[in-house]
Amino acid sequence: MKFTVTRAHTTCLAFLVLALSACGGGEQVDQFQPTRVLAFGDEASVIDSSRRKYTVNAVPDPANPDPAAAAAAACKSNRIWAQVLANGYGLLFQECVGAVLPMEKRIWAEPEAKAADLVTQIDNFIVASGFSTKDLVTVLIGTHDIKEIYETGGSDADAKAAGALVARQVNRIADAGAKVIVSTLPELGVTPYGIGKGADADLLNNLTASFNLELLRNLTNDGRKIGLVEADRMVRNILNAPASNGYVNWTQAACVVPLPGCTDAAGDLDVDKTTTANAGQPASATTWLWASELQLSVSGHANLGNLAGTRARNNPF
């Protein structure tokens, strides 16, 4: 499979990332400590009503006599990226804890959401609560825009428009007083979905790069309000040396059952069919890069969450 992103894309992205991360200036005297972490976007940031996530979930302890408590405990394992970020501040998502704490919705992300849906998510949140200066907000969305653009014969201009729309919503959150960590998209051409499209993987990569470029171009260039993490660069770095990064499979989906129903029980996971050293070995949440055709496995989420935490601590919030 070819992996191609144009030189123009790469140059512009590098310049804009440097500008965004460098601005905001000055020394951060008081470390920002959020009181809430709020997640917006698509299923990459979802914990559903059964406390399951759209990656490889931990199996609830069958010996626990309280099924709700067992599900809550399992939810705290195999964290998605927003959980990893929140955990760095000693915060939990109520969606994971359940009825133990007063329920306040923190996950506003929705499965298969697209850029236009982000507008509605923010509208609904403002009606329900509203942003404060102690909120740390995550935004990761656009995968389903790129998938739809590709499948319906859309254009590069459509990908750019979607990226610009997401940027405007991130700016809207920041203007309301919250701090925002926004992520670029991994190139869809290197996902199991994209690999399955053969030569069209390059088209998917370029559509994703156009989305990411317009996202960066349209963000308010102020590191005191907005921090950027680059999921695209993270995945590329992994793919440049997958074995060195602890991966035995980076082309297939670990789960053979639909998300969010996949757990790390053997029956829910595929076996490695691609590498001689690991052929016949069951997939794992940490050594396979992808949980599904589009979603990261647990180790990918951990990497992204750690990057988000570093960015949040280093930006002059």
Protein backbone atom coordinates (compact mmCIF):
# COMPACT_ATOMS: atom_id res chain seq x y z
CA MET A 1 0.00 0.00 0.00
CA LYS A 2 1.33 3.42 -0.97
CA PHE A 3 1.32 6.16 1.63
CA THR A 4 1.27 9.56 -0.02
CA VAL A 5 0.68 13.03 1.29
CA THR A 6 1.64 15.90 -1.01
CA ARG A 7 4.63 18.09 -0.19
CA ALA A 8 2.36 21.14 -0.10
CA HIS A 9 0.19 19.47 2.51
CA THR A 10 3.20 18.53 4.63
CA THR A 11 4.85 21.96 4.46
CA CYS A 12 1.67 23.86 5.34
CA LEU A 13 0.77 21.51 8.16
CA ALA A 14 4.23 21.76 9.70
CA PHE A 15 4.16 25.57 9.58
CA LEU A 16 0.68 25.85 11.07
CA VAL A 17 1.40 23.35 13.85
CA LEU A 18 4.52 25.28 14.80
CA ALA A 19 2.60 28.56 14.82
CA LEU A 20 -0.23 27.23 16.96
CA SER A 21 1.99 25.54 19.52
CA ALA A 22 4.34 28.53 19.77
CA CYS A 23 1.77 31.27 20.25
CA GLY A 24 0.27 32.38 23.52
CA GLY A 25 3.68 33.43 24.78
CA GLY A 26 4.86 34.17 28.25
CA GLU A 27 5.49 32.00 31.24
CA GLN A 28 2.75 29.91 32.78
CA VAL A 29 2.85 30.89 36.44
CA ASP A 30 -0.09 28.84 37.71
CA GLN A 31 -0.60 25.34 36.30
CA PHE A 32 -4.07 25.08 34.83
CA GLN A 33 -6.21 22.64 36.82
CA PRO A 34 -9.57 21.88 35.21
CA THR A 35 -12.60 20.94 37.27
CA ARG A 36 -14.26 19.22 34.32
CA VAL A 37 -13.07 17.44 31.20
CA LEU A 38 -15.72 17.47 28.47
CA ALA A 39 -15.56 15.37 25.31
CA PHE A 40 -17.05 16.33 21.93
CA GLY A 41 -16.80 14.56 18.60
CA ASP A 42 -17.49 11.09 17.27
CA GLU A 43 -17.25 7.59 18.74
CA ALA A 44 -13.52 7.96 19.43
CA SER A 45 -14.66 9.95 22.49
CA VAL A 46 -17.80 8.03 23.49
CA ILE A 47 -18.60 6.09 26.65
CA ASP A 48 -22.07 4.67 26.11
CA SER A 49 -24.90 4.02 28.59
CA SER A 50 -23.48 0.53 29.27
CA ARG A 51 -20.07 2.09 30.06
CA ARG A 52 -18.56 0.66 26.89
CA LYS A 53 -16.17 2.41 24.53
CA TYR A 54 -15.53 2.16 20.80
CA THR A 55 -12.28 0.31 21.22
CA VAL A 56 -11.32 -2.98 22.90
CA ASN A 57 -13.12 -2.93 26.26
CA ALA A 58 -11.95 -4.59 29.46
CA VAL A 59 -14.03 -7.56 30.62
CA PRO A 60 -16.04 -6.84 33.81
CA ASP A 61 -14.99 -9.07 36.71
CA PRO A 62 -17.48 -11.97 36.78
CA ALA A 63 -16.75 -12.53 40.47
CA ASN A 64 -18.07 -9.09 41.39
CA PRO A 65 -21.60 -9.57 42.80
CA ASP A 66 -22.60 -6.08 41.69
CA PRO A 67 -22.79 -5.98 37.85
CA ALA A 68 -22.98 -2.18 37.78
CA ALA A 69 -19.86 -1.86 39.92
CA ALA A 70 -18.08 -4.44 37.77
CA ALA A 71 -18.97 -2.50 34.62
CA ALA A 72 -17.79 0.74 36.20
CA ALA A 73 -14.47 -0.83 37.19
CA ALA A 74 -13.97 -2.23 33.68
CA CYS A 75 -14.78 1.20 32.24
CA LYS A 76 -11.84 2.69 34.12
CA SER A 77 -9.54 0.26 32.29
CA ASN A 78 -8.73 0.26 28.56
CA ARG A 79 -9.19 4.02 28.57
CA ILE A 80 -10.02 6.13 25.56
CA TRP A 81 -7.89 9.21 24.93
CA ALA A 82 -10.18 11.64 26.76
CA GLN A 83 -10.11 9.39 29.83
CA VAL A 84 -6.31 9.30 29.73
CA LEU A 85 -6.25 13.10 29.63
CA ALA A 86 -8.77 13.44 32.48
CA ASN A 87 -6.95 10.85 34.58
CA GLY A 88 -3.82 13.00 34.42
CA TYR A 89 -5.74 15.63 36.37
CA GLY A 90 -7.25 13.14 38.81
CA LEU A 91 -10.68 13.45 37.16
CA LEU A 92 -13.18 10.77 36.18
CA PHE A 93 -16.00 10.72 33.69
CA GLN A 94 -19.34 10.30 35.46
CA GLU A 95 -20.44 8.14 32.52
CA CYS A 96 -17.86 5.63 33.70
CA VAL A 97 -18.52 5.87 37.41
CA GLY A 98 -22.28 5.60 37.03
CA ALA A 99 -24.70 6.14 39.89
CA VAL A 100 -21.97 6.43 42.54
CA LEU A 101 -21.72 10.17 41.86
CA PRO A 102 -24.40 12.68 40.86
CA MET A 103 -24.72 12.30 37.12
CA GLU A 104 -23.53 15.21 35.04
CA LYS A 105 -23.10 14.50 31.37
CA ARG A 106 -19.49 14.99 30.33
CA ILE A 107 -19.48 12.96 27.10
CA TRP A 108 -21.27 14.93 24.38
CA ALA A 109 -19.61 13.03 21.54
CA GLU A 110 -21.84 10.71 19.50
CA PRO A 111 -21.17 7.65 17.34
CA GLU A 112 -20.60 8.43 13.65
CA ALA A 113 -20.93 12.17 14.24
CA LYS A 114 -19.69 14.50 11.50
CA ALA A 115 -18.53 18.10 11.52
CA ALA A 116 -22.06 19.49 11.23
CA ASP A 117 -23.10 17.43 14.27
CA LEU A 118 -20.45 19.16 16.36
CA VAL A 119 -22.47 22.37 16.05
CA THR A 120 -25.50 20.62 17.58
CA GLN A 121 -23.43 19.02 20.33
CA ILE A 122 -22.15 22.42 21.41
CA ASP A 123 -25.59 24.02 21.12
CA ASN A 124 -27.05 21.32 23.36
CA PHE A 125 -24.26 21.65 25.89
CA ILE A 126 -24.68 25.42 26.14
CA VAL A 127 -28.40 24.96 26.85
CA ALA A 128 -27.71 22.26 29.46
CA SER A 129 -24.72 23.79 31.21
CA GLY A 130 -22.48 26.27 29.47
CA PHE A 131 -18.68 26.48 29.44
CA SER A 132 -16.53 27.81 32.25
CA THR A 133 -12.92 28.90 32.51
CA LYS A 134 -12.16 25.71 34.44
CA ASP A 135 -13.37 23.40 31.66
CA LEU A 136 -10.93 21.42 29.54
CA VAL A 137 -12.64 20.32 26.33
CA THR A 138 -11.53 17.67 23.85
CA VAL A 139 -12.56 17.68 20.20
CA LEU A 140 -11.89 14.85 17.76
CA ILE A 141 -14.20 14.62 14.76
CA GLY A 142 -14.11 14.38 10.97
CA THR A 143 -13.43 10.72 10.23
CA HIS A 144 -16.98 10.15 9.06
CA ASP A 145 -16.88 13.31 6.94
CA ILE A 146 -13.88 11.96 5.05
CA LYS A 147 -15.45 8.52 4.73
CA GLU A 148 -18.68 10.01 3.38
CA ILE A 149 -16.85 12.36 0.99
CA TYR A 150 -14.90 9.41 -0.41
CA GLU A 151 -17.89 7.08 -0.71
CA THR A 152 -20.15 9.68 -2.35
CA GLY A 153 -17.55 11.00 -4.80
CA GLY A 154 -17.09 14.30 -3.02
CA SER A 155 -14.19 16.64 -3.56
CA ASP A 156 -11.13 18.01 -1.84
CA ALA A 157 -13.12 21.21 -1.32
CA ASP A 158 -15.65 19.24 0.74
CA ALA A 159 -12.89 17.95 3.01
CA LYS A 160 -11.55 21.48 3.44
CA ALA A 161 -15.02 22.81 4.28
CA ALA A 162 -15.48 20.15 6.96
CA GLY A 163 -12.11 20.97 8.52
CA ALA A 164 -12.89 24.69 8.54
CA LEU A 165 -16.27 24.02 10.18
CA VAL A 166 -14.65 22.05 13.00
CA ALA A 167 -12.13 24.85 13.53
CA ARG A 168 -14.89 27.42 13.85
CA GLN A 169 -16.58 25.32 16.52
CA VAL A 170 -13.31 24.92 18.44
CA ASN A 171 -12.90 28.69 18.32
CA ARG A 172 -16.47 29.05 19.56
CA ILE A 173 -15.71 26.89 22.60
CA ALA A 174 -12.53 28.84 23.33
CA ASP A 175 -14.34 32.16 22.97
CA ALA A 176 -16.84 30.93 25.59
CA GLY A 177 -13.96 30.65 28.08
CA ALA A 178 -13.03 26.95 28.07
CA LYS A 179 -9.63 25.54 27.18
CA VAL A 180 -9.63 23.20 24.20
CA ILE A 181 -7.48 20.27 23.11
CA VAL A 182 -8.28 19.49 19.48
CA SER A 183 -6.83 16.60 17.51
CA THR A 184 -6.14 16.21 13.84
CA LEU A 185 -7.33 13.04 12.11
CA PRO A 186 -5.18 10.01 11.33
CA GLU A 187 -5.03 9.55 7.56
CA LEU A 188 -7.87 7.23 6.63
CA GLY A 189 -5.70 5.55 4.00
CA VAL A 190 -3.64 3.79 6.68
CA THR A 191 -6.62 2.44 8.60
CA PRO A 192 -7.93 -1.07 7.90
CA TYR A 193 -10.78 0.66 6.05
CA GLY A 194 -8.36 2.56 3.83
CA ILE A 195 -6.02 -0.38 3.28
CA GLY A 196 -9.02 -2.32 2.02
CA LYS A 197 -9.56 0.33 -0.70
CA GLY A 198 -6.28 -0.49 -2.41
CA ALA A 199 -5.03 2.31 -4.66
CA ASP A 200 -7.68 4.67 -3.24
CA ALA A 201 -5.76 4.74 0.04
CA ASP A 202 -3.75 7.67 -1.33
CA LEU A 203 -6.95 9.56 -2.11
CA LEU A 204 -8.17 8.98 1.45
CA ASN A 205 -4.84 10.20 2.82
CA ASN A 206 -5.00 13.38 0.76
CA LEU A 207 -8.62 14.09 1.70
CA THR A 208 -7.64 13.71 5.35
CA ALA A 209 -4.64 15.98 4.91
CA SER A 210 -6.88 18.64 3.34
CA PHE A 211 -9.26 18.40 6.29
CA ASN A 212 -6.39 18.71 8.76
CA LEU A 213 -4.85 21.65 6.90
CA GLU A 214 -8.07 23.66 6.92
CA LEU A 215 -8.65 22.78 10.56
CA LEU A 216 -5.28 24.29 11.43
CA ARG A 217 -5.64 27.28 9.12
CA ASN A 218 -8.90 28.33 10.71
CA LEU A 219 -8.12 27.79 14.40
CA THR A 220 -7.64 30.89 16.52
CA ASN A 221 -3.87 31.05 16.82
CA ASP A 222 -3.71 31.46 20.59
CA GLY A 223 -2.08 28.79 22.73
CA ARG A 224 -3.66 30.30 25.85
CA LYS A 225 -6.99 28.95 24.63
CA ILE A 226 -6.35 26.08 22.23
CA GLY A 227 -3.85 23.22 22.24
CA LEU A 228 -3.26 20.89 19.30
CA VAL A 229 -2.41 17.19 19.18
CA GLU A 230 -1.49 15.55 15.91
CA ALA A 231 -3.04 12.11 15.62
CA ASP A 232 -1.90 11.96 12.00
CA ARG A 233 1.75 12.42 12.92
CA MET A 234 1.40 10.03 15.86
CA VAL A 235 0.13 7.25 13.62
CA ARG A 236 2.75 7.95 10.94
CA ASN A 237 5.50 7.71 13.55
CA ILE A 238 4.13 4.36 14.71
CA LEU A 239 3.98 3.08 11.14
CA ASN A 240 7.55 4.15 10.47
CA ALA A 241 8.73 1.68 13.13
CA PRO A 242 5.78 -0.39 14.34
CA ALA A 243 7.75 -3.18 15.97
CA SER A 244 9.89 -0.69 17.87
CA ASN A 245 6.68 0.89 19.13
CA GLY A 246 5.44 -2.47 20.44
CA TYR A 247 3.02 -3.40 17.63
CA VAL A 248 2.71 -6.79 15.99
CA ASN A 249 -0.22 -5.82 13.74
CA TRP A 250 -1.01 -2.41 12.27
CA THR A 251 -3.11 -3.30 9.22
CA GLN A 252 -6.08 -5.27 10.59
CA ALA A 253 -8.91 -4.65 13.02
CA ALA A 254 -8.43 -6.46 16.33
CA CYS A 255 -12.16 -6.92 16.90
CA VAL A 256 -14.30 -9.44 15.06
CA VAL A 257 -17.50 -8.16 16.71
CA PRO A 258 -18.94 -4.67 16.18
CA LEU A 259 -17.89 -1.86 18.47
CA PRO A 260 -18.67 -1.07 21.25
CA GLY A 261 -19.38 -4.74 21.94
CA CYS A 262 -15.77 -5.85 21.62
CA THR A 263 -13.89 -6.88 24.77
CA ASP A 264 -10.44 -8.32 25.32
CA ALA A 265 -12.02 -11.76 25.71
CA ALA A 266 -10.47 -14.14 23.20
CA GLY A 267 -13.75 -14.75 21.40
CA ASP A 268 -14.11 -11.07 20.51
CA LEU A 269 -10.66 -10.71 19.00
CA ASP A 270 -9.08 -11.69 15.71
CA VAL A 271 -5.83 -13.61 15.34
CA ASP A 272 -2.72 -12.38 13.61
CA LYS A 273 -2.60 -13.57 10.01
CA THR A 274 0.07 -11.29 8.64
CA THR A 275 3.34 -11.76 10.50
CA THR A 276 5.32 -14.98 10.71
CA ALA A 277 6.46 -14.39 14.27
CA ASN A 278 2.95 -13.86 15.59
CA ALA A 279 0.81 -15.85 13.19
CA GLY A 280 -2.07 -17.51 15.00
CA GLN A 281 -1.65 -15.34 18.11
CA PRO A 282 -4.82 -13.64 19.37
CA ALA A 283 -5.10 -9.90 18.97
CA SER A 284 -4.56 -7.71 21.99
CA ALA A 285 -5.66 -4.24 22.94
CA THR A 286 -2.05 -3.10 23.19
CA THR A 287 -0.15 -4.78 20.36
CA TRP A 288 -2.67 -4.18 17.57
CA LEU A 289 -2.98 -0.58 16.42
CA TRP A 290 -6.60 -0.71 15.29
CA ALA A 291 -9.67 -1.95 17.15
CA SER A 292 -11.94 -1.65 14.10
CA GLU A 293 -11.68 -0.52 10.51
CA LEU A 294 -11.56 3.13 11.64
CA GLN A 295 -10.99 3.24 15.42
CA LEU A 296 -7.77 2.99 17.39
CA SER A 297 -7.12 0.20 19.83
CA VAL A 298 -6.29 0.88 23.48
CA SER A 299 -2.60 1.56 22.95
CA GLY A 300 -3.39 4.09 20.22
CA HIS A 301 -5.79 5.85 22.58
CA ALA A 302 -3.15 5.81 25.31
CA ASN A 303 -0.60 7.42 23.01
CA LEU A 304 -3.06 10.10 21.91
CA GLY A 305 -4.22 10.77 25.46
CA ASN A 306 -0.66 11.16 26.67
CA LEU A 307 0.06 13.62 23.86
CA ALA A 308 -3.07 15.54 24.84
CA GLY A 309 -1.96 15.64 28.47
CA THR A 310 1.49 16.93 27.53
CA ARG A 311 -0.03 19.61 25.31
CA ALA A 312 -2.49 20.71 28.00
CA ARG A 313 0.28 21.02 30.59
CA ASN A 314 2.72 22.78 28.25
CA ASN A 315 0.34 25.31 26.71
CA PRO A 316 -0.03 28.56 28.69
CA PHE A 317 -3.63 27.83 29.67
